[in-house]
Amino acid sequence: MDITTDTQQPAPSRTPQPPAAEDTRAGRGVTRPGDRIFVGLSRGSGILVLVIMAAIAAFLTYRAVLAIGEDEANFFTSFEWNPTGSPPEFGIAVLAYGTVVSSIIAMAIAVPVSVGIALFITHYAPRKLGGLIGYVIDLLAAVPSIVYGLWGALVLVPHLNGLYGWLDEYLGWTGIFEWNGGAGRSLLTVGILLAIMILPIITNVSREVFRQVPRMHEEAALALGATRWEVIRMSVLPFGRSGVISASMLGLGRALGETMAVAMVLSPTFDITPSLLDPGGGTFAQNIASKFNEATQMGRDALIASGLVLFVITLLVNGGARMIIARRKEYSGANA
């Protein structure tokens, strides 16, 4: 006997789909008043920053053109600074050299030490000890520049004679570390002082970046038999590389523009010597701070022209840092 069964196919279940999310980028699809206000304020803030930067650049460029038009010397290569002379002669060769050299010295000292401190706090030190060291580093970041300058002039400069003598004895043959005696008010002293000043900035940012390393990355490396140093080298440093570069650029920005501390330590002269231990030299910020109040109208325009060069150097440094970070964006925390 044939048995016919009426098999009913169950109707496909329809899972209710959530409503499509509104695209709020660039103000599209924003319907709530609070969202519209927030988008407007955000856009306005970004535009305001660009307007301020453009206004600063326009002002510096205008005053610089007036000064350079009256300059009888080569503005980029001259070692003279006499904008009140007849005719006026001034150049930025000494200032550019001093600014770049002192900043390079500061970065060469501060970056390795800062990264080492950040790694020690986050991966080696006990919690209480790490918290104490971090607190001390935060205090260093709060010290005013004038205090660093006083300490550098009264404490650091007199106590560097031993180091200068050692460098002259063993490395003086290079010419870079030749020392003829005298006070250590040189670019090397300025670089050491700047390194101490930017160390808290680089350390704090690097510390926070290293704390964001995914725990599973470190545990996976340990599970494969890696040592503590291998974990740091293979997991922590690649992850935090872009953050360390950003921290270094923040520190470099302060080193390039530091004024009071450099003015109190450096013995300025408009001359370039091959030795880093000889007194003399100058930086853009130090020269502007020390001569602006007593400068004539022409002298102020000349100082503003040198400020424009410092402004351009800062923009180039920041642009270079962004290019480096963009090339290594696979190591950023957002893509980890």
C-alpha atoms as a PDB file:
ATOM      1  CA  MET A   1       0.000   0.000   0.000  1.00  0.00           C
ATOM      2  CA  ASP A   2       1.332   3.339  -1.050  1.00  0.00           C
ATOM      3  CA  ILE A   3       1.551   5.803   1.742  1.00  0.00           C
ATOM      4  CA  THR A   4       1.741   9.374   0.606  1.00  0.00           C
ATOM      5  CA  THR A   5       3.068  11.793   3.134  1.00  0.00           C
ATOM      6  CA  ASP A   6       2.556  15.453   2.761  1.00  0.00           C
ATOM      7  CA  THR A   7       5.882  16.877   3.739  1.00  0.00           C
ATOM      8  CA  GLN A   8       5.768  20.566   4.383  1.00  0.00           C
ATOM      9  CA  GLN A   9       8.978  22.510   3.994  1.00  0.00           C
ATOM     10  CA  PRO A  10       9.504  24.927   6.851  1.00  0.00           C
ATOM     11  CA  ALA A  11       9.421  28.545   5.830  1.00  0.00           C
ATOM     12  CA  PRO A  12      12.820  30.186   5.964  1.00  0.00           C
ATOM     13  CA  SER A  13      13.174  32.171   9.098  1.00  0.00           C
ATOM     14  CA  ARG A  14      13.721  35.818   8.631  1.00  0.00           C
ATOM     15  CA  THR A  15      16.018  37.303  11.160  1.00  0.00           C
ATOM     16  CA  PRO A  16      15.196  40.947  11.636  1.00  0.00           C
ATOM     17  CA  GLN A  17      18.041  43.036  10.357  1.00  0.00           C
ATOM     18  CA  PRO A  18      19.181  46.003  12.402  1.00  0.00           C
ATOM     19  CA  PRO A  19      18.607  49.340  10.786  1.00  0.00           C
ATOM     20  CA  ALA A  20      21.483  50.554   8.709  1.00  0.00           C
ATOM     21  CA  ALA A  21      23.831  52.708  10.665  1.00  0.00           C
ATOM     22  CA  GLU A  22      23.803  56.298   9.683  1.00  0.00           C
ATOM     23  CA  ASP A  23      26.923  57.589   8.041  1.00  0.00           C
ATOM     24  CA  THR A  24      27.957  60.425  10.294  1.00  0.00           C
ATOM     25  CA  ARG A  25      31.274  61.079   8.627  1.00  0.00           C
ATOM     26  CA  ALA A  26      31.696  64.631   7.455  1.00  0.00           C
ATOM     27  CA  GLY A  27      28.210  65.477   8.742  1.00  0.00           C
ATOM     28  CA  ARG A  28      26.293  63.079   6.422  1.00  0.00           C
ATOM     29  CA  GLY A  29      23.199  61.591   7.997  1.00  0.00           C
ATOM     30  CA  VAL A  30      23.479  63.602  11.205  1.00  0.00           C
ATOM     31  CA  THR A  31      19.966  64.223  12.467  1.00  0.00           C
ATOM     32  CA  ARG A  32      20.286  64.830  16.192  1.00  0.00           C
ATOM     33  CA  PRO A  33      20.992  68.398  17.286  1.00  0.00           C
ATOM     34  CA  GLY A  34      23.827  67.266  19.561  1.00  0.00           C
ATOM     35  CA  ASP A  35      25.504  65.431  16.689  1.00  0.00           C
ATOM     36  CA  ARG A  36      25.205  68.442  14.415  1.00  0.00           C
ATOM     37  CA  ILE A  37      26.707  70.706  17.060  1.00  0.00           C
ATOM     38  CA  PHE A  38      29.573  68.276  17.704  1.00  0.00           C
ATOM     39  CA  VAL A  39      30.345  67.886  13.998  1.00  0.00           C
ATOM     40  CA  GLY A  40      30.268  71.653  13.514  1.00  0.00           C
ATOM     41  CA  LEU A  41      32.580  72.268  16.453  1.00  0.00           C
ATOM     42  CA  SER A  42      34.982  69.554  15.303  1.00  0.00           C
ATOM     43  CA  ARG A  43      35.111  70.871  11.771  1.00  0.00           C
ATOM     44  CA  GLY A  44      35.476  74.433  12.999  1.00  0.00           C
ATOM     45  CA  SER A  45      38.331  73.478  15.324  1.00  0.00           C
ATOM     46  CA  GLY A  46      40.218  71.808  12.487  1.00  0.00           C
ATOM     47  CA  ILE A  47      39.704  74.780  10.196  1.00  0.00           C
ATOM     48  CA  LEU A  48      40.738  77.179  12.970  1.00  0.00           C
ATOM     49  CA  VAL A  49      44.042  75.364  13.435  1.00  0.00           C
ATOM     50  CA  LEU A  50      44.773  75.632   9.707  1.00  0.00           C
ATOM     51  CA  VAL A  51      43.846  79.320   9.692  1.00  0.00           C
ATOM     52  CA  ILE A  52      46.142  80.030  12.652  1.00  0.00           C
ATOM     53  CA  MET A  53      49.024  78.171  11.018  1.00  0.00           C
ATOM     54  CA  ALA A  54      48.464  80.041   7.758  1.00  0.00           C
ATOM     55  CA  ALA A  55      48.320  83.372   9.588  1.00  0.00           C
ATOM     56  CA  ILE A  56      51.580  82.663  11.422  1.00  0.00           C
ATOM     57  CA  ALA A  57      53.287  81.604   8.205  1.00  0.00           C
ATOM     58  CA  ALA A  58      52.015  84.705   6.368  1.00  0.00           C
ATOM     59  CA  PHE A  59      53.185  87.055   9.126  1.00  0.00           C
ATOM     60  CA  LEU A  60      56.625  85.470   9.375  1.00  0.00           C
ATOM     61  CA  THR A  61      57.039  85.424   5.608  1.00  0.00           C
ATOM     62  CA  TYR A  62      56.033  89.073   5.196  1.00  0.00           C
ATOM     63  CA  ARG A  63      58.417  90.356   7.859  1.00  0.00           C
ATOM     64  CA  ALA A  64      61.181  88.031   6.677  1.00  0.00           C
ATOM     65  CA  VAL A  65      60.914  89.297   3.107  1.00  0.00           C
ATOM     66  CA  LEU A  66      61.289  92.872   4.364  1.00  0.00           C
ATOM     67  CA  ALA A  67      64.429  91.971   6.321  1.00  0.00           C
ATOM     68  CA  ILE A  68      66.088  89.794   3.697  1.00  0.00           C
ATOM     69  CA  GLY A  69      65.476  92.480   1.075  1.00  0.00           C
ATOM     70  CA  GLU A  70      67.696  94.855   3.077  1.00  0.00           C
ATOM     71  CA  ASP A  71      70.340  92.245   3.936  1.00  0.00           C
ATOM     72  CA  GLU A  72      73.647  92.808   2.173  1.00  0.00           C
ATOM     73  CA  ALA A  73      75.027  89.393   3.223  1.00  0.00           C
ATOM     74  CA  ASN A  74      73.938  85.915   2.251  1.00  0.00           C
ATOM     75  CA  PHE A  75      71.106  85.117   4.653  1.00  0.00           C
ATOM     76  CA  PHE A  76      71.734  81.363   4.632  1.00  0.00           C
ATOM     77  CA  THR A  77      75.529  81.197   4.714  1.00  0.00           C
ATOM     78  CA  SER A  78      76.751  84.357   6.447  1.00  0.00           C
ATOM     79  CA  PHE A  79      78.306  84.150   9.931  1.00  0.00           C
ATOM     80  CA  GLU A  80      77.578  87.816  10.654  1.00  0.00           C
ATOM     81  CA  TRP A  81      74.685  89.169  12.713  1.00  0.00           C
ATOM     82  CA  ASN A  82      74.601  92.938  12.466  1.00  0.00           C
ATOM     83  CA  PRO A  83      71.131  93.983  11.270  1.00  0.00           C
ATOM     84  CA  THR A  84      71.619  97.518  12.633  1.00  0.00           C
ATOM     85  CA  GLY A  85      74.780  98.170  10.658  1.00  0.00           C
ATOM     86  CA  SER A  86      75.094 100.301   7.597  1.00  0.00           C
ATOM     87  CA  PRO A  87      74.516  98.360   5.472  1.00  0.00           C
ATOM     88  CA  PRO A  88      72.804  95.598   7.515  1.00  0.00           C
ATOM     89  CA  GLU A  89      74.452  92.187   7.332  1.00  0.00           C
ATOM     90  CA  PHE A  90      73.108  89.062   9.005  1.00  0.00           C
ATOM     91  CA  GLY A  91      72.853  85.336   8.356  1.00  0.00           C
ATOM     92  CA  ILE A  92      71.612  82.165  10.016  1.00  0.00           C
ATOM     93  CA  ALA A  93      74.482  79.750   9.348  1.00  0.00           C
ATOM     94  CA  VAL A  94      75.681  79.733  12.966  1.00  0.00           C
ATOM     95  CA  LEU A  95      72.141  79.573  14.359  1.00  0.00           C
ATOM     96  CA  ALA A  96      71.117  76.703  12.104  1.00  0.00           C
ATOM     97  CA  TYR A  97      74.264  74.769  12.939  1.00  0.00           C
ATOM     98  CA  GLY A  98      73.861  75.253  16.687  1.00  0.00           C
ATOM     99  CA  THR A  99      70.177  74.389  16.677  1.00  0.00           C
ATOM    100  CA  VAL A 100      70.589  71.205  14.651  1.00  0.00           C
ATOM    101  CA  VAL A 101      73.739  69.981  16.421  1.00  0.00           C
ATOM    102  CA  SER A 102      72.426  70.543  19.954  1.00  0.00           C
ATOM    103  CA  SER A 103      69.128  68.848  19.069  1.00  0.00           C
ATOM    104  CA  ILE A 104      70.913  65.850  17.551  1.00  0.00           C
ATOM    105  CA  ILE A 105      73.044  65.486  20.692  1.00  0.00           C
ATOM    106  CA  ALA A 106      69.937  65.700  22.861  1.00  0.00           C
ATOM    107  CA  MET A 107      68.085  63.085  20.820  1.00  0.00           C
ATOM    108  CA  ALA A 108      71.070  60.733  20.733  1.00  0.00           C
ATOM    109  CA  ILE A 109      71.187  60.777  24.527  1.00  0.00           C
ATOM    110  CA  ALA A 110      67.507  61.015  25.433  1.00  0.00           C
ATOM    111  CA  VAL A 111      65.841  58.515  23.080  1.00  0.00           C
ATOM    112  CA  PRO A 112      67.746  55.340  24.125  1.00  0.00           C
ATOM    113  CA  VAL A 113      67.546  56.274  27.820  1.00  0.00           C
ATOM    114  CA  SER A 114      63.832  57.093  27.589  1.00  0.00           C
ATOM    115  CA  VAL A 115      62.972  53.860  25.791  1.00  0.00           C
ATOM    116  CA  GLY A 116      65.008  51.902  28.348  1.00  0.00           C
ATOM    117  CA  ILE A 117      63.196  53.564  31.253  1.00  0.00           C
ATOM    118  CA  ALA A 118      59.810  52.954  29.620  1.00  0.00           C
ATOM    119  CA  LEU A 119      60.610  49.271  29.064  1.00  0.00           C
ATOM    120  CA  PHE A 120      61.866  48.883  32.622  1.00  0.00           C
ATOM    121  CA  ILE A 121      58.713  50.447  34.065  1.00  0.00           C
ATOM    122  CA  THR A 122      56.339  48.367  31.954  1.00  0.00           C
ATOM    123  CA  HIS A 123      58.083  44.992  31.758  1.00  0.00           C
ATOM    124  CA  TYR A 124      60.743  44.608  34.422  1.00  0.00           C
ATOM    125  CA  ALA A 125      60.112  46.727  37.502  1.00  0.00           C
ATOM    126  CA  PRO A 126      57.702  45.632  40.247  1.00  0.00           C
ATOM    127  CA  ARG A 127      54.434  47.527  40.192  1.00  0.00           C
ATOM    128  CA  LYS A 128      55.233  49.756  43.169  1.00  0.00           C
ATOM    129  CA  LEU A 129      58.732  50.568  41.948  1.00  0.00           C
ATOM    130  CA  GLY A 130      57.476  51.266  38.441  1.00  0.00           C
ATOM    131  CA  GLY A 131      54.825  53.598  39.819  1.00  0.00           C
ATOM    132  CA  LEU A 132      57.429  55.466  41.865  1.00  0.00           C
ATOM    133  CA  ILE A 133      59.764  55.895  38.880  1.00  0.00           C
ATOM    134  CA  GLY A 134      56.875  57.038  36.725  1.00  0.00           C
ATOM    135  CA  TYR A 135      55.932  59.616  39.365  1.00  0.00           C
ATOM    136  CA  VAL A 136      59.481  60.981  39.419  1.00  0.00           C
ATOM    137  CA  ILE A 137      59.514  61.197  35.614  1.00  0.00           C
ATOM    138  CA  ASP A 138      56.232  63.123  35.713  1.00  0.00           C
ATOM    139  CA  LEU A 139      57.770  65.563  38.178  1.00  0.00           C
ATOM    140  CA  LEU A 140      60.678  66.169  35.815  1.00  0.00           C
ATOM    141  CA  ALA A 141      58.203  67.083  33.079  1.00  0.00           C
ATOM    142  CA  ALA A 142      56.674  69.740  35.350  1.00  0.00           C
ATOM    143  CA  VAL A 143      59.962  71.538  36.101  1.00  0.00           C
ATOM    144  CA  PRO A 144      60.037  74.991  34.405  1.00  0.00           C
ATOM    145  CA  SER A 145      62.688  75.746  31.817  1.00  0.00           C
ATOM    146  CA  ILE A 146      64.184  78.542  33.907  1.00  0.00           C
ATOM    147  CA  VAL A 147      64.888  76.064  36.716  1.00  0.00           C
ATOM    148  CA  TYR A 148      66.662  73.747  34.284  1.00  0.00           C
ATOM    149  CA  GLY A 149      68.657  76.725  33.065  1.00  0.00           C
ATOM    150  CA  LEU A 150      69.722  77.727  36.567  1.00  0.00           C
ATOM    151  CA  TRP A 151      70.691  74.166  37.398  1.00  0.00           C
ATOM    152  CA  GLY A 152      72.614  73.847  34.153  1.00  0.00           C
ATOM    153  CA  ALA A 153      74.534  77.094  34.657  1.00  0.00           C
ATOM    154  CA  LEU A 154      75.337  76.607  38.358  1.00  0.00           C
ATOM    155  CA  VAL A 155      75.698  72.823  38.639  1.00  0.00           C
ATOM    156  CA  LEU A 156      76.055  71.110  35.269  1.00  0.00           C
ATOM    157  CA  VAL A 157      78.598  73.441  33.648  1.00  0.00           C
ATOM    158  CA  PRO A 158      81.192  73.333  36.486  1.00  0.00           C
ATOM    159  CA  HIS A 159      80.922  69.559  36.868  1.00  0.00           C
ATOM    160  CA  LEU A 160      81.500  68.755  33.194  1.00  0.00           C
ATOM    161  CA  ASN A 161      85.193  69.631  33.264  1.00  0.00           C
ATOM    162  CA  GLY A 162      86.113  66.066  34.174  1.00  0.00           C
ATOM    163  CA  LEU A 163      84.092  64.662  31.283  1.00  0.00           C
ATOM    164  CA  TYR A 164      85.540  67.232  28.911  1.00  0.00           C
ATOM    165  CA  GLY A 165      89.078  66.366  30.012  1.00  0.00           C
ATOM    166  CA  TRP A 166      88.447  62.654  29.480  1.00  0.00           C
ATOM    167  CA  LEU A 167      86.965  63.250  26.022  1.00  0.00           C
ATOM    168  CA  ASP A 168      89.897  65.463  25.090  1.00  0.00           C
ATOM    169  CA  GLU A 169      92.431  62.892  26.299  1.00  0.00           C
ATOM    170  CA  TYR A 170      91.003  59.887  24.480  1.00  0.00           C
ATOM    171  CA  LEU A 171      88.979  61.388  21.609  1.00  0.00           C
ATOM    172  CA  GLY A 172      90.586  64.769  21.123  1.00  0.00           C
ATOM    173  CA  TRP A 173      92.445  63.491  18.060  1.00  0.00           C
ATOM    174  CA  THR A 174      89.138  63.488  16.177  1.00  0.00           C
ATOM    175  CA  GLY A 175      88.849  67.261  16.474  1.00  0.00           C
ATOM    176  CA  ILE A 176      85.224  66.952  17.517  1.00  0.00           C
ATOM    177  CA  PHE A 177      86.106  66.487  21.195  1.00  0.00           C
ATOM    178  CA  GLU A 178      89.169  68.697  21.391  1.00  0.00           C
ATOM    179  CA  TRP A 179      89.102  70.878  24.500  1.00  0.00           C
ATOM    180  CA  ASN A 180      91.262  73.916  25.193  1.00  0.00           C
ATOM    181  CA  GLY A 181      90.098  74.433  28.762  1.00  0.00           C
ATOM    182  CA  GLY A 182      87.682  77.027  30.073  1.00  0.00           C
ATOM    183  CA  ALA A 183      84.052  76.828  31.078  1.00  0.00           C
ATOM    184  CA  GLY A 184      81.970  74.149  29.446  1.00  0.00           C
ATOM    185  CA  ARG A 185      79.387  76.516  27.962  1.00  0.00           C
ATOM    186  CA  SER A 186      79.363  74.673  24.678  1.00  0.00           C
ATOM    187  CA  LEU A 187      76.937  72.925  22.371  1.00  0.00           C
ATOM    188  CA  LEU A 188      77.663  69.598  24.040  1.00  0.00           C
ATOM    189  CA  THR A 189      76.572  71.008  27.396  1.00  0.00           C
ATOM    190  CA  VAL A 190      73.435  72.405  25.782  1.00  0.00           C
ATOM    191  CA  GLY A 191      72.724  69.003  24.215  1.00  0.00           C
ATOM    192  CA  ILE A 192      73.080  67.239  27.563  1.00  0.00           C
ATOM    193  CA  LEU A 193      70.759  69.734  29.248  1.00  0.00           C
ATOM    194  CA  LEU A 194      68.195  69.435  26.459  1.00  0.00           C
ATOM    195  CA  ALA A 195      68.362  65.635  26.737  1.00  0.00           C
ATOM    196  CA  ILE A 196      67.420  65.876  30.417  1.00  0.00           C
ATOM    197  CA  MET A 197      64.564  68.225  29.571  1.00  0.00           C
ATOM    198  CA  ILE A 198      63.020  66.101  26.810  1.00  0.00           C
ATOM    199  CA  LEU A 199      63.561  62.776  28.558  1.00  0.00           C
ATOM    200  CA  PRO A 200      60.224  62.919  30.501  1.00  0.00           C
ATOM    201  CA  ILE A 201      58.238  63.611  27.322  1.00  0.00           C
ATOM    202  CA  ILE A 202      59.668  60.679  25.387  1.00  0.00           C
ATOM    203  CA  THR A 203      59.519  58.365  28.409  1.00  0.00           C
ATOM    204  CA  ASN A 204      55.876  59.064  29.250  1.00  0.00           C
ATOM    205  CA  VAL A 205      54.598  58.615  25.709  1.00  0.00           C
ATOM    206  CA  SER A 206      56.698  55.482  25.119  1.00  0.00           C
ATOM    207  CA  ARG A 207      55.541  54.015  28.426  1.00  0.00           C
ATOM    208  CA  GLU A 208      51.875  54.408  27.503  1.00  0.00           C
ATOM    209  CA  VAL A 209      52.517  52.908  24.061  1.00  0.00           C
ATOM    210  CA  PHE A 210      54.283  49.850  25.499  1.00  0.00           C
ATOM    211  CA  ARG A 211      51.391  49.301  27.898  1.00  0.00           C
ATOM    212  CA  GLN A 212      49.043  48.916  24.927  1.00  0.00           C
ATOM    213  CA  VAL A 213      50.864  45.884  23.526  1.00  0.00           C
ATOM    214  CA  PRO A 214      48.315  43.027  23.308  1.00  0.00           C
ATOM    215  CA  ARG A 215      48.950  40.543  26.060  1.00  0.00           C
ATOM    216  CA  MET A 216      48.385  37.618  23.698  1.00  0.00           C
ATOM    217  CA  HIS A 217      51.386  38.700  21.609  1.00  0.00           C
ATOM    218  CA  GLU A 218      53.694  38.468  24.580  1.00  0.00           C
ATOM    219  CA  GLU A 219      52.161  35.195  25.800  1.00  0.00           C
ATOM    220  CA  ALA A 220      52.487  33.656  22.337  1.00  0.00           C
ATOM    221  CA  ALA A 221      56.171  34.560  22.202  1.00  0.00           C
ATOM    222  CA  LEU A 222      56.730  33.114  25.690  1.00  0.00           C
ATOM    223  CA  ALA A 223      54.888  29.945  24.688  1.00  0.00           C
ATOM    224  CA  LEU A 224      57.323  29.524  21.795  1.00  0.00           C
ATOM    225  CA  GLY A 225      60.224  29.628  24.235  1.00  0.00           C
ATOM    226  CA  ALA A 226      61.292  33.244  23.821  1.00  0.00           C
ATOM    227  CA  THR A 227      63.211  34.960  26.585  1.00  0.00           C
ATOM    228  CA  ARG A 228      62.085  38.243  28.118  1.00  0.00           C
ATOM    229  CA  TRP A 229      64.384  40.232  25.844  1.00  0.00           C
ATOM    230  CA  GLU A 230      63.209  38.287  22.772  1.00  0.00           C
ATOM    231  CA  VAL A 231      59.611  39.067  23.707  1.00  0.00           C
ATOM    232  CA  ILE A 232      60.454  42.749  23.868  1.00  0.00           C
ATOM    233  CA  ARG A 233      62.419  42.633  20.628  1.00  0.00           C
ATOM    234  CA  MET A 234      59.844  40.658  18.634  1.00  0.00           C
ATOM    235  CA  SER A 235      56.545  41.850  20.142  1.00  0.00           C
ATOM    236  CA  VAL A 236      56.869  45.038  22.144  1.00  0.00           C
ATOM    237  CA  LEU A 237      59.275  47.154  20.098  1.00  0.00           C
ATOM    238  CA  PRO A 238      57.658  46.475  16.689  1.00  0.00           C
ATOM    239  CA  PHE A 239      54.233  47.274  18.137  1.00  0.00           C
ATOM    240  CA  GLY A 240      55.394  50.516  19.745  1.00  0.00           C
ATOM    241  CA  ARG A 241      57.751  51.685  17.014  1.00  0.00           C
ATOM    242  CA  SER A 242      55.447  54.335  15.596  1.00  0.00           C
ATOM    243  CA  GLY A 243      54.617  55.542  19.102  1.00  0.00           C
ATOM    244  CA  VAL A 244      58.298  55.876  19.990  1.00  0.00           C
ATOM    245  CA  ILE A 245      58.873  57.847  16.781  1.00  0.00           C
ATOM    246  CA  SER A 246      55.994  60.160  17.690  1.00  0.00           C
ATOM    247  CA  ALA A 247      57.373  60.598  21.204  1.00  0.00           C
ATOM    248  CA  SER A 248      60.808  61.375  19.792  1.00  0.00           C
ATOM    249  CA  MET A 249      59.369  64.024  17.502  1.00  0.00           C
ATOM    250  CA  LEU A 250      57.600  65.657  20.449  1.00  0.00           C
ATOM    251  CA  GLY A 251      60.892  65.753  22.297  1.00  0.00           C
ATOM    252  CA  LEU A 252      62.706  67.064  19.243  1.00  0.00           C
ATOM    253  CA  GLY A 253      60.158  69.849  18.911  1.00  0.00           C
ATOM    254  CA  ARG A 254      60.927  71.031  22.424  1.00  0.00           C
ATOM    255  CA  ALA A 255      64.669  70.727  21.857  1.00  0.00           C
ATOM    256  CA  LEU A 256      64.482  72.840  18.702  1.00  0.00           C
ATOM    257  CA  GLY A 257      62.476  75.594  20.352  1.00  0.00           C
ATOM    258  CA  GLU A 258      63.950  75.650  23.864  1.00  0.00           C
ATOM    259  CA  THR A 259      64.921  79.181  24.828  1.00  0.00           C
ATOM    260  CA  MET A 260      65.628  80.110  28.449  1.00  0.00           C
ATOM    261  CA  ALA A 261      67.648  77.076  29.469  1.00  0.00           C
ATOM    262  CA  VAL A 262      69.875  77.382  26.394  1.00  0.00           C
ATOM    263  CA  ALA A 263      70.313  81.126  26.866  1.00  0.00           C
ATOM    264  CA  MET A 264      71.490  80.622  30.461  1.00  0.00           C
ATOM    265  CA  VAL A 265      73.989  77.862  29.636  1.00  0.00           C
ATOM    266  CA  LEU A 266      75.420  78.710  26.232  1.00  0.00           C
ATOM    267  CA  SER A 267      78.091  81.333  25.670  1.00  0.00           C
ATOM    268  CA  PRO A 268      76.877  82.673  22.307  1.00  0.00           C
ATOM    269  CA  THR A 269      79.261  83.659  19.554  1.00  0.00           C
ATOM    270  CA  PHE A 270      78.674  83.901  15.825  1.00  0.00           C
ATOM    271  CA  ASP A 271      81.304  81.375  14.917  1.00  0.00           C
ATOM    272  CA  ILE A 272      81.338  77.686  14.024  1.00  0.00           C
ATOM    273  CA  THR A 273      84.103  75.551  15.512  1.00  0.00           C
ATOM    274  CA  PRO A 274      84.661  71.863  14.704  1.00  0.00           C
ATOM    275  CA  SER A 275      84.886  70.939  18.392  1.00  0.00           C
ATOM    276  CA  LEU A 276      81.696  70.413  20.363  1.00  0.00           C
ATOM    277  CA  LEU A 277      83.535  71.311  23.577  1.00  0.00           C
ATOM    278  CA  ASP A 278      84.546  74.853  22.641  1.00  0.00           C
ATOM    279  CA  PRO A 279      82.384  77.655  24.076  1.00  0.00           C
ATOM    280  CA  GLY A 280      80.295  79.469  21.533  1.00  0.00           C
ATOM    281  CA  GLY A 281      77.665  78.909  18.944  1.00  0.00           C
ATOM    282  CA  GLY A 282      74.007  79.812  19.110  1.00  0.00           C
ATOM    283  CA  THR A 283      70.468  78.622  18.412  1.00  0.00           C
ATOM    284  CA  PHE A 284      67.466  80.271  16.798  1.00  0.00           C
ATOM    285  CA  ALA A 285      65.372  80.463  19.956  1.00  0.00           C
ATOM    286  CA  GLN A 286      68.251  81.615  22.161  1.00  0.00           C
ATOM    287  CA  ASN A 287      69.222  84.362  19.713  1.00  0.00           C
ATOM    288  CA  ILE A 288      65.655  85.641  19.420  1.00  0.00           C
ATOM    289  CA  ALA A 289      65.109  85.684  23.185  1.00  0.00           C
ATOM    290  CA  SER A 290      68.386  87.432  23.986  1.00  0.00           C
ATOM    291  CA  LYS A 291      68.181  90.168  21.330  1.00  0.00           C
ATOM    292  CA  PHE A 292      64.515  90.881  20.705  1.00  0.00           C
ATOM    293  CA  ASN A 293      63.938  93.456  23.458  1.00  0.00           C
ATOM    294  CA  GLU A 294      66.878  95.632  22.465  1.00  0.00           C
ATOM    295  CA  ALA A 295      66.491  95.227  18.712  1.00  0.00           C
ATOM    296  CA  THR A 296      65.455  98.005  16.360  1.00  0.00           C
ATOM    297  CA  GLN A 297      62.724  97.558  13.780  1.00  0.00           C
ATOM    298  CA  MET A 298      65.231  96.156  11.313  1.00  0.00           C
ATOM    299  CA  GLY A 299      66.718  93.932  13.996  1.00  0.00           C
ATOM    300  CA  ARG A 300      63.309  92.534  14.881  1.00  0.00           C
ATOM    301  CA  ASP A 301      62.550  91.803  11.259  1.00  0.00           C
ATOM    302  CA  ALA A 302      65.851  89.945  11.037  1.00  0.00           C
ATOM    303  CA  LEU A 303      64.984  87.924  14.144  1.00  0.00           C
ATOM    304  CA  ILE A 304      61.568  87.145  12.695  1.00  0.00           C
ATOM    305  CA  ALA A 305      63.272  85.959   9.503  1.00  0.00           C
ATOM    306  CA  SER A 306      65.338  83.538  11.574  1.00  0.00           C
ATOM    307  CA  GLY A 307      62.140  82.467  13.325  1.00  0.00           C
ATOM    308  CA  LEU A 308      60.650  81.641   9.931  1.00  0.00           C
ATOM    309  CA  VAL A 309      63.549  79.269   9.262  1.00  0.00           C
ATOM    310  CA  LEU A 310      62.951  77.562  12.612  1.00  0.00           C
ATOM    311  CA  PHE A 311      59.242  77.326  11.729  1.00  0.00           C
ATOM    312  CA  VAL A 312      60.077  75.631   8.425  1.00  0.00           C
ATOM    313  CA  ILE A 313      62.542  73.237  10.102  1.00  0.00           C
ATOM    314  CA  THR A 314      59.866  72.212  12.608  1.00  0.00           C
ATOM    315  CA  LEU A 315      57.343  71.578   9.836  1.00  0.00           C
ATOM    316  CA  LEU A 316      59.863  69.496   7.892  1.00  0.00           C
ATOM    317  CA  VAL A 317      60.692  67.429  10.979  1.00  0.00           C
ATOM    318  CA  ASN A 318      57.024  66.760  11.698  1.00  0.00           C
ATOM    319  CA  GLY A 319      56.361  65.922   8.060  1.00  0.00           C
ATOM    320  CA  GLY A 320      59.287  63.505   7.998  1.00  0.00           C
ATOM    321  CA  ALA A 321      58.040  61.841  11.165  1.00  0.00           C
ATOM    322  CA  ARG A 322      54.584  61.348   9.678  1.00  0.00           C
ATOM    323  CA  MET A 323      56.115  59.775   6.571  1.00  0.00           C
ATOM    324  CA  ILE A 324      58.112  57.350   8.717  1.00  0.00           C
ATOM    325  CA  ILE A 325      55.037  56.433  10.743  1.00  0.00           C
ATOM    326  CA  ALA A 326      52.959  55.963   7.584  1.00  0.00           C
ATOM    327  CA  ARG A 327      55.529  53.518   6.213  1.00  0.00           C
ATOM    328  CA  ARG A 328      55.333  51.505   9.424  1.00  0.00           C
ATOM    329  CA  LYS A 329      51.636  51.753  10.068  1.00  0.00           C
ATOM    330  CA  GLU A 330      51.390  47.977  10.207  1.00  0.00           C
ATOM    331  CA  TYR A 331      53.060  48.230  13.603  1.00  0.00           C
ATOM    332  CA  SER A 332      50.606  50.749  14.995  1.00  0.00           C
ATOM    333  CA  GLY A 333      48.283  49.814  17.808  1.00  0.00           C
ATOM    334  CA  ALA A 334      45.201  50.322  15.654  1.00  0.00           C
ATOM    335  CA  ASN A 335      46.324  47.597  13.270  1.00  0.00           C
ATOM    336  CA  ALA A 336      47.679  45.156  15.815  1.00  0.00           C
END
